[in-house]
Amino acid sequence: MVDVASVARLPRVLALLVSLTASACSVTPSPSPSMVASAPATASSSSSSTPRPAATPEPPLSLPLPAESDPRPITFAVAVQSDLAATTSGHVVVTVTNTSDSTVVELVLRWPTALKEIISLAPFEPTDERIREGGGVLYQEWTKWVEGPGEMGEPSGTTSLGWGPLLPGATLTITLTANRVANQPSAFDLQFLAGEAILSTTAGSAAELRVALP
């Protein structure tokens, strides 16, 4: 037997299925989220900067330049007598010429005091005549011989030997006694000053010299 009510509902069911099918076909799929590529992190300037090279240390027995300078030019030379290499004593001869047109009131030679641990420099050789009781009047050309710190501003760690005055165009020859303390070669800074101001070379640089001793 045919169920009349079921047959009556059939067109309505088919219509509903058609409607649902059409709706499903008309649904637009939502876009999937897109991946946004991020730029690689930039290294900071501090990490990519080139490290600064370390300062070159000063060699042993060096001297810093004095705070004051004197533009007057001089020429100079240092000679080491060969007997210093073979014996325990010898001489270092320093020659200085004032090429300026004014007098250097007090020419000063300066070197590191620590040099005396290897070779001791002195402006004279001790003699019995110089040290004997009741001896004659001593004559000396040098004006001062000071291990700093001194009363005239001589810095600590330096030995200053004053010699002067030095007239314009004049040449001064200074013979220093060198007594060896340690049997080893050495090198040291020697500066030429007018009082506490370092003089200049004819090229305009500071008047100083690196002296090598055997």
N, C-alpha and C. Protein backbone atom coordinates (compact mmCIF):
# COMPACT_ATOMS: atom_id res chain seq x y z
N MET A 1 0.86 -1.19 0.00
CA MET A 1 0.00 0.00 0.00
C MET A 1 0.89 1.22 0.00
N VAL A 2 0.49 2.21 -0.78
CA VAL A 2 1.29 3.43 -0.91
C VAL A 2 0.84 4.42 0.13
N ASP A 3 1.87 4.97 0.89
CA ASP A 3 1.58 5.98 1.93
C ASP A 3 1.42 7.32 1.23
N VAL A 4 0.15 7.76 1.19
CA VAL A 4 -0.18 8.99 0.46
C VAL A 4 0.52 10.18 1.07
N ALA A 5 0.68 10.22 2.40
CA ALA A 5 1.34 11.37 3.08
C ALA A 5 2.81 11.44 2.73
N SER A 6 3.47 10.28 2.62
CA SER A 6 4.90 10.28 2.27
C SER A 6 5.11 10.76 0.88
N VAL A 7 4.22 10.34 -0.02
CA VAL A 7 4.34 10.79 -1.40
C VAL A 7 4.13 12.27 -1.50
N ALA A 8 3.28 12.80 -0.67
CA ALA A 8 3.02 14.25 -0.71
C ALA A 8 4.23 15.05 -0.23
N ARG A 9 4.97 14.49 0.70
CA ARG A 9 6.13 15.23 1.25
C ARG A 9 7.36 15.14 0.34
N LEU A 10 7.39 14.25 -0.59
CA LEU A 10 8.60 14.01 -1.40
C LEU A 10 9.05 15.23 -2.17
N PRO A 11 8.18 15.97 -2.84
CA PRO A 11 8.67 17.15 -3.58
C PRO A 11 9.32 18.19 -2.67
N ARG A 12 8.76 18.35 -1.47
CA ARG A 12 9.32 19.34 -0.52
C ARG A 12 10.72 18.92 -0.07
N VAL A 13 10.94 17.62 0.16
CA VAL A 13 12.27 17.13 0.58
C VAL A 13 13.28 17.34 -0.52
N LEU A 14 12.86 17.04 -1.79
CA LEU A 14 13.77 17.24 -2.92
C LEU A 14 14.12 18.69 -3.10
N ALA A 15 13.15 19.55 -2.89
CA ALA A 15 13.43 20.99 -3.01
C ALA A 15 14.43 21.46 -1.97
N LEU A 16 14.28 20.91 -0.72
CA LEU A 16 15.23 21.29 0.35
C LEU A 16 16.63 20.82 0.04
N LEU A 17 16.78 19.61 -0.51
CA LEU A 17 18.11 19.09 -0.86
C LEU A 17 18.74 19.92 -1.94
N VAL A 18 17.95 20.35 -2.93
CA VAL A 18 18.48 21.19 -4.01
C VAL A 18 18.96 22.52 -3.47
N SER A 19 18.18 23.07 -2.52
CA SER A 19 18.56 24.37 -1.93
C SER A 19 19.86 24.25 -1.15
N LEU A 20 20.02 23.19 -0.36
CA LEU A 20 21.24 23.01 0.43
C LEU A 20 22.44 22.80 -0.46
N THR A 21 22.24 22.06 -1.57
CA THR A 21 23.34 21.81 -2.49
C THR A 21 23.80 23.10 -3.14
N ALA A 22 22.86 23.96 -3.51
CA ALA A 22 23.22 25.25 -4.13
C ALA A 22 23.95 26.15 -3.15
N SER A 23 23.48 26.12 -1.90
CA SER A 23 24.16 26.97 -0.88
C SER A 23 25.59 26.51 -0.66
N ALA A 24 25.78 25.19 -0.63
CA ALA A 24 27.14 24.67 -0.42
C ALA A 24 28.04 25.04 -1.55
N CYS A 25 27.51 25.06 -2.77
CA CYS A 25 28.36 25.40 -3.91
C CYS A 25 28.68 26.88 -3.96
N SER A 26 27.84 27.71 -3.34
CA SER A 26 28.07 29.16 -3.40
C SER A 26 28.96 29.68 -2.29
N VAL A 27 29.35 28.85 -1.32
CA VAL A 27 30.20 29.29 -0.19
C VAL A 27 31.61 29.57 -0.72
N THR A 28 32.08 30.77 -0.48
CA THR A 28 33.45 31.15 -0.89
C THR A 28 34.43 30.81 0.22
N PRO A 29 35.44 29.99 -0.06
CA PRO A 29 36.38 29.61 1.04
C PRO A 29 37.20 30.82 1.48
N SER A 30 37.36 30.93 2.78
CA SER A 30 38.15 32.05 3.32
C SER A 30 39.62 31.81 3.03
N PRO A 31 40.34 32.88 2.71
CA PRO A 31 41.78 32.70 2.41
C PRO A 31 42.56 32.27 3.63
N SER A 32 43.48 31.40 3.38
CA SER A 32 44.33 30.97 4.50
C SER A 32 45.30 32.08 4.83
N PRO A 33 45.66 32.21 6.09
CA PRO A 33 46.60 33.29 6.47
C PRO A 33 47.93 33.15 5.74
N SER A 34 48.43 34.30 5.23
CA SER A 34 49.69 34.27 4.48
C SER A 34 50.86 34.47 5.42
N MET A 35 51.99 33.88 5.10
CA MET A 35 53.21 34.02 5.90
C MET A 35 53.96 35.24 5.42
N VAL A 36 54.24 36.20 6.33
CA VAL A 36 54.99 37.41 6.00
C VAL A 36 56.44 37.20 6.41
N ALA A 37 57.34 37.22 5.43
CA ALA A 37 58.76 37.00 5.73
C ALA A 37 59.33 38.23 6.41
N SER A 38 59.98 38.03 7.53
CA SER A 38 60.61 39.15 8.25
C SER A 38 62.06 39.30 7.80
N ALA A 39 62.53 40.58 7.74
CA ALA A 39 63.91 40.84 7.34
C ALA A 39 64.86 40.35 8.42
N PRO A 40 65.99 39.80 8.03
CA PRO A 40 66.95 39.34 9.04
C PRO A 40 67.44 40.50 9.89
N ALA A 41 67.67 40.21 11.16
CA ALA A 41 68.12 41.25 12.09
C ALA A 41 69.46 41.79 11.65
N THR A 42 69.57 43.12 11.68
CA THR A 42 70.83 43.77 11.30
C THR A 42 71.75 43.83 12.51
N ALA A 43 73.00 43.39 12.33
CA ALA A 43 73.95 43.41 13.46
C ALA A 43 74.19 44.85 13.87
N SER A 44 74.29 45.06 15.16
CA SER A 44 74.54 46.41 15.67
C SER A 44 75.92 46.88 15.28
N SER A 45 76.06 48.21 15.23
CA SER A 45 77.34 48.78 14.82
C SER A 45 78.46 48.43 15.78
N SER A 46 78.10 48.22 17.07
CA SER A 46 79.14 47.90 18.03
C SER A 46 79.74 46.53 17.80
N SER A 47 78.84 45.55 17.34
CA SER A 47 79.36 44.19 17.14
C SER A 47 80.13 44.07 15.84
N SER A 48 79.80 44.95 14.84
CA SER A 48 80.46 44.83 13.55
C SER A 48 81.66 45.76 13.41
N SER A 49 81.87 46.65 14.38
CA SER A 49 82.98 47.59 14.27
C SER A 49 84.31 46.89 14.47
N THR A 50 85.34 47.38 13.80
CA THR A 50 86.67 46.80 13.92
C THR A 50 87.32 47.26 15.22
N PRO A 51 87.83 46.34 16.04
CA PRO A 51 88.44 46.75 17.30
C PRO A 51 89.68 47.62 17.06
N ARG A 52 89.87 48.60 17.93
CA ARG A 52 91.02 49.48 17.80
C ARG A 52 92.31 48.75 18.18
N PRO A 53 93.36 48.98 17.42
CA PRO A 53 94.63 48.32 17.79
C PRO A 53 95.16 48.86 19.10
N ALA A 54 95.78 48.00 19.86
CA ALA A 54 96.35 48.41 21.14
C ALA A 54 97.52 49.35 20.91
N ALA A 55 97.66 50.32 21.81
CA ALA A 55 98.76 51.28 21.70
C ALA A 55 100.09 50.56 21.88
N THR A 56 101.06 50.97 21.08
CA THR A 56 102.39 50.37 21.17
C THR A 56 103.08 50.86 22.44
N PRO A 57 103.49 49.96 23.30
CA PRO A 57 104.14 50.41 24.54
C PRO A 57 105.47 51.07 24.26
N GLU A 58 105.81 52.05 25.08
CA GLU A 58 107.09 52.73 24.94
C GLU A 58 108.22 51.77 25.31
N PRO A 59 109.36 51.85 24.62
CA PRO A 59 110.48 50.98 24.98
C PRO A 59 111.03 51.36 26.34
N PRO A 60 111.80 50.46 26.96
CA PRO A 60 112.39 50.77 28.26
C PRO A 60 113.27 52.02 28.19
N LEU A 61 113.38 52.70 29.33
CA LEU A 61 114.22 53.90 29.47
C LEU A 61 113.81 55.00 28.49
N SER A 62 112.49 55.17 28.33
CA SER A 62 111.96 56.25 27.51
C SER A 62 111.60 57.43 28.40
N LEU A 63 111.44 58.59 27.77
CA LEU A 63 111.05 59.81 28.47
C LEU A 63 109.82 60.41 27.79
N PRO A 64 108.81 60.83 28.55
CA PRO A 64 107.71 61.59 27.94
C PRO A 64 108.19 62.99 27.59
N LEU A 65 107.56 63.60 26.59
CA LEU A 65 107.94 64.96 26.23
C LEU A 65 107.50 65.93 27.33
N PRO A 66 108.32 66.93 27.63
CA PRO A 66 107.91 67.94 28.61
C PRO A 66 106.68 68.71 28.15
N ALA A 67 105.98 69.31 29.09
CA ALA A 67 104.79 70.08 28.74
C ALA A 67 105.13 71.33 27.95
N GLU A 68 106.31 71.91 28.17
CA GLU A 68 106.71 73.12 27.49
C GLU A 68 107.68 72.81 26.34
N SER A 69 107.60 73.61 25.30
CA SER A 69 108.53 73.46 24.17
C SER A 69 109.12 74.82 23.81
N ASP A 70 110.30 74.79 23.22
CA ASP A 70 111.01 75.99 22.80
C ASP A 70 111.30 75.85 21.30
N PRO A 71 110.81 76.78 20.47
CA PRO A 71 110.97 76.61 19.03
C PRO A 71 112.38 76.86 18.50
N ARG A 72 113.29 77.34 19.36
CA ARG A 72 114.65 77.60 18.87
C ARG A 72 115.33 76.31 18.44
N PRO A 73 115.92 76.32 17.23
CA PRO A 73 116.52 75.08 16.71
C PRO A 73 117.96 74.88 17.18
N ILE A 74 118.31 73.61 17.34
CA ILE A 74 119.70 73.23 17.64
C ILE A 74 120.03 72.02 16.78
N THR A 75 121.30 71.74 16.65
CA THR A 75 121.76 70.48 16.08
C THR A 75 122.56 69.76 17.15
N PHE A 76 122.58 68.45 17.09
CA PHE A 76 123.27 67.70 18.14
C PHE A 76 123.73 66.36 17.61
N ALA A 77 124.70 65.80 18.29
CA ALA A 77 125.24 64.48 17.95
C ALA A 77 125.76 63.84 19.22
N VAL A 78 125.72 62.53 19.27
CA VAL A 78 126.21 61.77 20.42
C VAL A 78 127.16 60.69 19.91
N ALA A 79 128.35 60.63 20.51
CA ALA A 79 129.34 59.62 20.15
C ALA A 79 129.69 58.81 21.40
N VAL A 80 129.70 57.51 21.26
CA VAL A 80 130.07 56.62 22.37
C VAL A 80 131.45 56.07 22.08
N GLN A 81 132.38 56.34 22.98
CA GLN A 81 133.75 55.87 22.77
C GLN A 81 133.80 54.35 22.85
N SER A 82 134.60 53.75 22.00
CA SER A 82 134.62 52.30 21.86
C SER A 82 135.12 51.58 23.10
N ASP A 83 135.90 52.26 23.96
CA ASP A 83 136.43 51.58 25.14
C ASP A 83 135.33 51.21 26.12
N LEU A 84 134.15 51.80 25.97
CA LEU A 84 133.05 51.46 26.87
C LEU A 84 132.60 50.01 26.67
N ALA A 85 132.77 49.50 25.47
CA ALA A 85 132.36 48.12 25.20
C ALA A 85 133.34 47.10 25.77
N ALA A 86 134.60 47.49 25.88
CA ALA A 86 135.62 46.53 26.28
C ALA A 86 135.96 46.61 27.77
N THR A 87 135.69 47.73 28.40
CA THR A 87 136.05 47.90 29.81
C THR A 87 134.82 48.26 30.63
N THR A 88 135.04 48.49 31.91
CA THR A 88 133.91 48.82 32.79
C THR A 88 133.59 50.31 32.77
N SER A 89 134.34 51.10 32.08
CA SER A 89 134.06 52.53 32.03
C SER A 89 134.45 53.08 30.66
N GLY A 90 133.98 54.27 30.38
CA GLY A 90 134.29 54.92 29.12
C GLY A 90 133.70 56.31 29.12
N HIS A 91 133.40 56.83 27.94
CA HIS A 91 132.87 58.18 27.84
C HIS A 91 131.79 58.26 26.77
N VAL A 92 130.80 59.09 27.02
CA VAL A 92 129.78 59.43 26.05
C VAL A 92 129.95 60.92 25.75
N VAL A 93 130.23 61.24 24.49
CA VAL A 93 130.51 62.62 24.09
C VAL A 93 129.30 63.19 23.36
N VAL A 94 128.76 64.29 23.89
CA VAL A 94 127.58 64.94 23.32
C VAL A 94 128.02 66.29 22.73
N THR A 95 127.67 66.53 21.47
CA THR A 95 127.99 67.79 20.81
C THR A 95 126.70 68.51 20.46
N VAL A 96 126.58 69.78 20.87
CA VAL A 96 125.36 70.55 20.64
C VAL A 96 125.75 71.90 20.03
N THR A 97 125.05 72.30 18.96
CA THR A 97 125.26 73.60 18.32
C THR A 97 123.96 74.40 18.35
N ASN A 98 124.05 75.64 18.84
CA ASN A 98 122.89 76.52 18.87
C ASN A 98 122.78 77.22 17.52
N THR A 99 121.82 76.80 16.69
CA THR A 99 121.66 77.39 15.36
C THR A 99 120.64 78.53 15.35
N SER A 100 120.14 78.92 16.51
CA SER A 100 119.21 80.05 16.57
C SER A 100 119.99 81.36 16.70
N ASP A 101 119.27 82.48 16.72
CA ASP A 101 119.92 83.79 16.85
C ASP A 101 119.80 84.36 18.25
N SER A 102 119.51 83.50 19.24
CA SER A 102 119.44 83.96 20.64
C SER A 102 120.12 82.95 21.54
N THR A 103 120.53 83.43 22.71
CA THR A 103 121.28 82.59 23.66
C THR A 103 120.36 81.65 24.42
N VAL A 104 120.77 80.39 24.51
CA VAL A 104 120.10 79.45 25.41
C VAL A 104 120.76 79.62 26.78
N VAL A 105 120.03 80.21 27.71
CA VAL A 105 120.62 80.57 28.99
C VAL A 105 121.14 79.35 29.72
N GLU A 106 120.39 78.26 29.73
CA GLU A 106 120.87 77.03 30.37
C GLU A 106 120.46 75.83 29.51
N LEU A 107 121.44 75.23 28.87
CA LEU A 107 121.19 74.01 28.12
C LEU A 107 121.14 72.85 29.11
N VAL A 108 120.10 72.02 28.99
CA VAL A 108 119.91 70.90 29.92
C VAL A 108 119.85 69.60 29.13
N LEU A 109 120.65 68.63 29.56
CA LEU A 109 120.54 67.26 29.06
C LEU A 109 119.70 66.47 30.06
N ARG A 110 118.81 65.62 29.54
CA ARG A 110 117.94 64.84 30.44
C ARG A 110 117.86 63.41 29.95
N TRP A 111 117.98 62.47 30.91
CA TRP A 111 117.85 61.05 30.60
C TRP A 111 117.15 60.35 31.76
N PRO A 112 116.66 59.12 31.56
CA PRO A 112 115.97 58.40 32.65
C PRO A 112 116.95 58.04 33.77
N THR A 113 116.54 58.29 35.00
CA THR A 113 117.39 57.95 36.15
C THR A 113 117.66 56.45 36.23
N ALA A 114 116.71 55.64 35.79
CA ALA A 114 116.86 54.18 35.86
C ALA A 114 118.04 53.67 35.03
N LEU A 115 118.59 54.50 34.15
CA LEU A 115 119.76 54.09 33.37
C LEU A 115 120.94 53.74 34.27
N LYS A 116 121.00 54.35 35.45
CA LYS A 116 122.14 54.11 36.35
C LYS A 116 122.22 52.67 36.85
N GLU A 117 121.14 51.89 36.66
CA GLU A 117 121.18 50.48 37.02
C GLU A 117 121.98 49.68 36.00
N ILE A 118 122.25 50.26 34.82
CA ILE A 118 123.02 49.60 33.77
C ILE A 118 124.34 50.33 33.54
N ILE A 119 124.24 51.62 33.26
CA ILE A 119 125.42 52.48 33.08
C ILE A 119 125.16 53.81 33.76
N SER A 120 126.08 54.22 34.59
CA SER A 120 125.94 55.48 35.32
C SER A 120 126.67 56.59 34.58
N LEU A 121 125.94 57.68 34.26
CA LEU A 121 126.53 58.83 33.58
C LEU A 121 126.79 59.94 34.59
N ALA A 122 127.94 60.59 34.46
CA ALA A 122 128.31 61.67 35.38
C ALA A 122 129.07 62.75 34.60
N PRO A 123 128.99 64.00 35.05
CA PRO A 123 129.68 65.08 34.34
C PRO A 123 131.18 65.17 34.64
N PHE A 124 131.68 64.36 35.55
CA PHE A 124 133.11 64.39 35.86
C PHE A 124 133.52 63.05 36.44
N GLU A 125 134.82 62.83 36.49
CA GLU A 125 135.37 61.64 37.13
C GLU A 125 135.90 62.04 38.50
N PRO A 126 135.49 61.34 39.56
CA PRO A 126 136.00 61.67 40.90
C PRO A 126 137.52 61.50 40.96
N THR A 127 138.18 62.46 41.55
CA THR A 127 139.64 62.39 41.75
C THR A 127 139.95 62.79 43.19
N ASP A 128 141.13 62.44 43.63
CA ASP A 128 141.55 62.82 44.98
C ASP A 128 141.59 64.33 45.14
N GLU A 129 141.95 65.04 44.11
CA GLU A 129 142.03 66.50 44.18
C GLU A 129 140.65 67.12 44.41
N ARG A 130 139.65 66.52 43.83
CA ARG A 130 138.30 67.07 43.97
C ARG A 130 137.73 66.83 45.35
N ILE A 131 138.12 65.73 46.00
CA ILE A 131 137.45 65.38 47.25
C ILE A 131 138.32 65.57 48.48
N ARG A 132 139.59 65.91 48.30
CA ARG A 132 140.45 65.98 49.49
C ARG A 132 140.10 67.20 50.34
N GLU A 133 140.31 67.04 51.65
CA GLU A 133 140.05 68.11 52.61
C GLU A 133 141.02 69.26 52.36
N GLY A 134 140.49 70.48 52.28
CA GLY A 134 141.35 71.64 52.09
C GLY A 134 141.88 71.78 50.69
N GLY A 135 141.28 71.07 49.71
CA GLY A 135 141.75 71.16 48.33
C GLY A 135 141.43 72.51 47.71
N GLY A 136 141.92 72.70 46.53
CA GLY A 136 141.72 73.96 45.84
C GLY A 136 140.26 74.18 45.44
N VAL A 137 140.01 75.41 44.97
CA VAL A 137 138.66 75.75 44.54
C VAL A 137 138.30 74.91 43.32
N LEU A 138 137.13 74.31 43.39
CA LEU A 138 136.70 73.46 42.30
C LEU A 138 136.14 74.31 41.16
N TYR A 139 136.52 73.97 39.96
CA TYR A 139 136.00 74.64 38.78
C TYR A 139 135.16 73.64 38.00
N GLN A 140 133.95 74.02 37.75
CA GLN A 140 133.06 73.14 37.00
C GLN A 140 132.25 73.95 36.00
N GLU A 141 132.04 73.36 34.85
CA GLU A 141 131.28 74.04 33.80
C GLU A 141 129.78 73.77 33.91
N TRP A 142 129.39 72.68 34.50
CA TRP A 142 127.97 72.36 34.58
C TRP A 142 127.30 73.15 35.70
N THR A 143 126.04 73.47 35.48
CA THR A 143 125.30 74.34 36.41
C THR A 143 124.41 73.58 37.37
N LYS A 144 123.98 72.38 37.02
CA LYS A 144 123.18 71.57 37.94
C LYS A 144 123.28 70.11 37.54
N TRP A 145 123.05 69.26 38.51
CA TRP A 145 123.03 67.82 38.30
C TRP A 145 122.00 67.27 39.27
N VAL A 146 120.78 67.04 38.77
CA VAL A 146 119.62 66.82 39.64
C VAL A 146 118.89 65.54 39.25
N GLU A 147 118.61 64.72 40.24
CA GLU A 147 117.69 63.60 40.06
C GLU A 147 116.31 64.07 40.54
N GLY A 148 115.32 64.06 39.63
CA GLY A 148 114.00 64.56 39.97
C GLY A 148 113.25 63.67 40.96
N PRO A 149 112.26 64.26 41.64
CA PRO A 149 111.77 65.62 41.44
C PRO A 149 112.71 66.66 42.03
N GLY A 150 112.87 67.78 41.28
CA GLY A 150 113.78 68.83 41.70
C GLY A 150 113.06 70.15 41.95
N GLU A 151 113.78 71.09 42.53
CA GLU A 151 113.18 72.37 42.90
C GLU A 151 112.82 73.23 41.69
N MET A 152 113.44 72.99 40.56
CA MET A 152 113.17 73.78 39.36
C MET A 152 112.20 73.08 38.40
N GLY A 153 111.45 72.11 38.91
CA GLY A 153 110.46 71.42 38.09
C GLY A 153 110.97 70.17 37.41
N GLU A 154 112.17 69.73 37.74
CA GLU A 154 112.69 68.49 37.14
C GLU A 154 111.78 67.32 37.56
N PRO A 155 111.21 66.59 36.59
CA PRO A 155 110.23 65.54 36.93
C PRO A 155 110.88 64.32 37.56
N SER A 156 110.06 63.59 38.30
CA SER A 156 110.51 62.35 38.94
C SER A 156 110.92 61.35 37.88
N GLY A 157 111.94 60.55 38.21
CA GLY A 157 112.40 59.52 37.29
C GLY A 157 113.36 60.01 36.23
N THR A 158 113.80 61.26 36.33
CA THR A 158 114.73 61.82 35.35
C THR A 158 115.98 62.35 36.04
N THR A 159 117.07 62.38 35.28
CA THR A 159 118.31 63.04 35.71
C THR A 159 118.57 64.19 34.75
N SER A 160 118.78 65.37 35.30
CA SER A 160 118.96 66.58 34.49
C SER A 160 120.33 67.17 34.76
N LEU A 161 121.07 67.41 33.68
CA LEU A 161 122.40 67.99 33.77
C LEU A 161 122.38 69.33 33.03
N GLY A 162 122.54 70.41 33.80
CA GLY A 162 122.52 71.75 33.23
C GLY A 162 123.90 72.17 32.75
N TRP A 163 123.93 72.82 31.60
CA TRP A 163 125.19 73.24 30.99
C TRP A 163 124.91 74.51 30.19
N GLY A 164 125.58 75.59 30.51
CA GLY A 164 125.27 76.79 29.74
C GLY A 164 125.98 78.00 30.30
N PRO A 165 125.71 79.18 29.70
CA PRO A 165 124.82 79.40 28.55
C PRO A 165 125.45 78.98 27.23
N LEU A 166 124.59 78.85 26.22
CA LEU A 166 125.04 78.48 24.89
C LEU A 166 124.69 79.62 23.94
N LEU A 167 125.72 80.33 23.46
CA LEU A 167 125.53 81.51 22.62
C LEU A 167 125.06 81.14 21.22
N PRO A 168 124.46 82.08 20.49
CA PRO A 168 124.05 81.80 19.10
C PRO A 168 125.23 81.38 18.24
N GLY A 169 125.09 80.30 17.52
CA GLY A 169 126.14 79.80 16.65
C GLY A 169 127.24 79.03 17.35
N ALA A 170 127.20 78.97 18.67
CA ALA A 170 128.26 78.30 19.42
C ALA A 170 128.02 76.79 19.47
N THR A 171 129.11 76.04 19.58
CA THR A 171 129.05 74.58 19.72
C THR A 171 129.64 74.19 21.06
N LEU A 172 128.92 73.35 21.76
CA LEU A 172 129.33 72.88 23.08
C LEU A 172 129.58 71.38 23.02
N THR A 173 130.75 70.96 23.51
CA THR A 173 131.09 69.54 23.58
C THR A 173 131.06 69.11 25.04
N ILE A 174 130.21 68.16 25.35
CA ILE A 174 130.03 67.68 26.73
C ILE A 174 130.52 66.23 26.78
N THR A 175 131.50 66.00 27.64
CA THR A 175 132.02 64.64 27.83
C THR A 175 131.51 64.09 29.14
N LEU A 176 130.74 63.01 29.05
CA LEU A 176 130.18 62.37 30.23
C LEU A 176 130.94 61.08 30.53
N THR A 177 131.26 60.89 31.80
CA THR A 177 131.88 59.64 32.23
C THR A 177 130.81 58.57 32.34
N ALA A 178 131.08 57.41 31.76
CA ALA A 178 130.13 56.30 31.78
C ALA A 178 130.74 55.13 32.53
N ASN A 179 130.15 54.77 33.65
CA ASN A 179 130.62 53.63 34.45
C ASN A 179 129.60 52.50 34.35
N ARG A 180 130.09 51.36 33.88
CA ARG A 180 129.18 50.22 33.69
C ARG A 180 128.84 49.57 35.02
N VAL A 181 127.55 49.32 35.20
CA VAL A 181 127.05 48.65 36.40
C VAL A 181 126.63 47.22 36.06
N ALA A 182 125.94 47.04 34.95
CA ALA A 182 125.51 45.72 34.49
C ALA A 182 126.08 45.46 33.10
N ASN A 183 126.56 44.24 32.89
CA ASN A 183 127.20 43.90 31.62
C ASN A 183 126.13 43.53 30.59
N GLN A 184 125.49 44.55 30.05
CA GLN A 184 124.46 44.32 29.04
C GLN A 184 124.30 45.59 28.20
N PRO A 185 123.95 45.44 26.93
CA PRO A 185 123.70 46.62 26.10
C PRO A 185 122.42 47.32 26.53
N SER A 186 122.29 48.57 26.15
CA SER A 186 121.11 49.33 26.55
C SER A 186 120.86 50.44 25.56
N ALA A 187 119.66 50.99 25.60
CA ALA A 187 119.30 52.17 24.81
C ALA A 187 118.42 53.06 25.68
N PHE A 188 118.56 54.37 25.53
CA PHE A 188 117.81 55.29 26.37
C PHE A 188 117.52 56.58 25.61
N ASP A 189 116.51 57.33 26.10
CA ASP A 189 116.16 58.62 25.53
C ASP A 189 117.05 59.71 26.13
N LEU A 190 117.53 60.61 25.28
CA LEU A 190 118.28 61.78 25.72
C LEU A 190 117.58 63.01 25.14
N GLN A 191 117.20 63.94 26.01
CA GLN A 191 116.51 65.15 25.58
C GLN A 191 117.38 66.38 25.79
N PHE A 192 117.13 67.39 24.94
CA PHE A 192 117.86 68.66 25.00
C PHE A 192 116.86 69.77 25.30
N LEU A 193 117.07 70.46 26.42
CA LEU A 193 116.10 71.45 26.86
C LEU A 193 116.76 72.80 27.12
N ALA A 194 115.91 73.83 27.09
CA ALA A 194 116.29 75.16 27.58
C ALA A 194 115.53 75.33 28.89
N GLY A 195 116.20 75.10 30.01
CA GLY A 195 115.49 75.07 31.28
C GLY A 195 114.60 73.84 31.34
N GLU A 196 113.26 74.07 31.36
CA GLU A 196 112.30 72.96 31.40
C GLU A 196 111.52 72.85 30.09
N ALA A 197 111.92 73.58 29.06
CA ALA A 197 111.24 73.51 27.76
C ALA A 197 112.13 72.78 26.77
N ILE A 198 111.57 71.78 26.08
CA ILE A 198 112.38 71.03 25.13
C ILE A 198 112.62 71.86 23.88
N LEU A 199 113.86 71.87 23.43
CA LEU A 199 114.24 72.62 22.23
C LEU A 199 113.78 71.88 20.97
N SER A 200 114.06 72.47 19.81
CA SER A 200 113.63 71.90 18.55
C SER A 200 114.82 71.54 17.68
N THR A 201 114.62 70.64 16.76
CA THR A 201 115.62 70.35 15.74
C THR A 201 115.43 71.34 14.60
N THR A 202 116.37 71.36 13.67
CA THR A 202 116.23 72.24 12.52
C THR A 202 115.06 71.82 11.63
N ALA A 203 114.60 70.58 11.78
CA ALA A 203 113.44 70.10 11.03
C ALA A 203 112.12 70.42 11.73
N GLY A 204 112.19 70.97 12.94
CA GLY A 204 110.99 71.36 13.66
C GLY A 204 110.46 70.35 14.65
N SER A 205 111.08 69.21 14.78
CA SER A 205 110.64 68.20 15.73
C SER A 205 111.29 68.43 17.10
N ALA A 206 110.82 67.69 18.10
CA ALA A 206 111.38 67.82 19.44
C ALA A 206 112.83 67.35 19.46
N ALA A 207 113.66 68.07 20.19
CA ALA A 207 115.10 67.76 20.24
C ALA A 207 115.35 66.63 21.23
N GLU A 208 115.22 65.42 20.73
CA GLU A 208 115.52 64.25 21.55
C GLU A 208 116.13 63.18 20.67
N LEU A 209 116.82 62.23 21.32
CA LEU A 209 117.60 61.24 20.58
C LEU A 209 117.56 59.93 21.35
N ARG A 210 117.49 58.83 20.61
CA ARG A 210 117.59 57.50 21.21
C ARG A 210 119.04 57.07 21.11
N VAL A 211 119.68 56.90 22.25
CA VAL A 211 121.11 56.58 22.29
C VAL A 211 121.27 55.09 22.60
N ALA A 212 122.08 54.40 21.81
CA ALA A 212 122.35 52.98 22.03
C ALA A 212 123.74 52.82 22.62
N LEU A 213 123.83 52.07 23.70
CA LEU A 213 125.12 51.80 24.34
C LEU A 213 125.45 50.31 24.20
N PRO A 214 126.71 49.99 23.96
CA PRO A 214 127.09 48.58 23.79
C PRO A 214 127.00 47.81 25.11
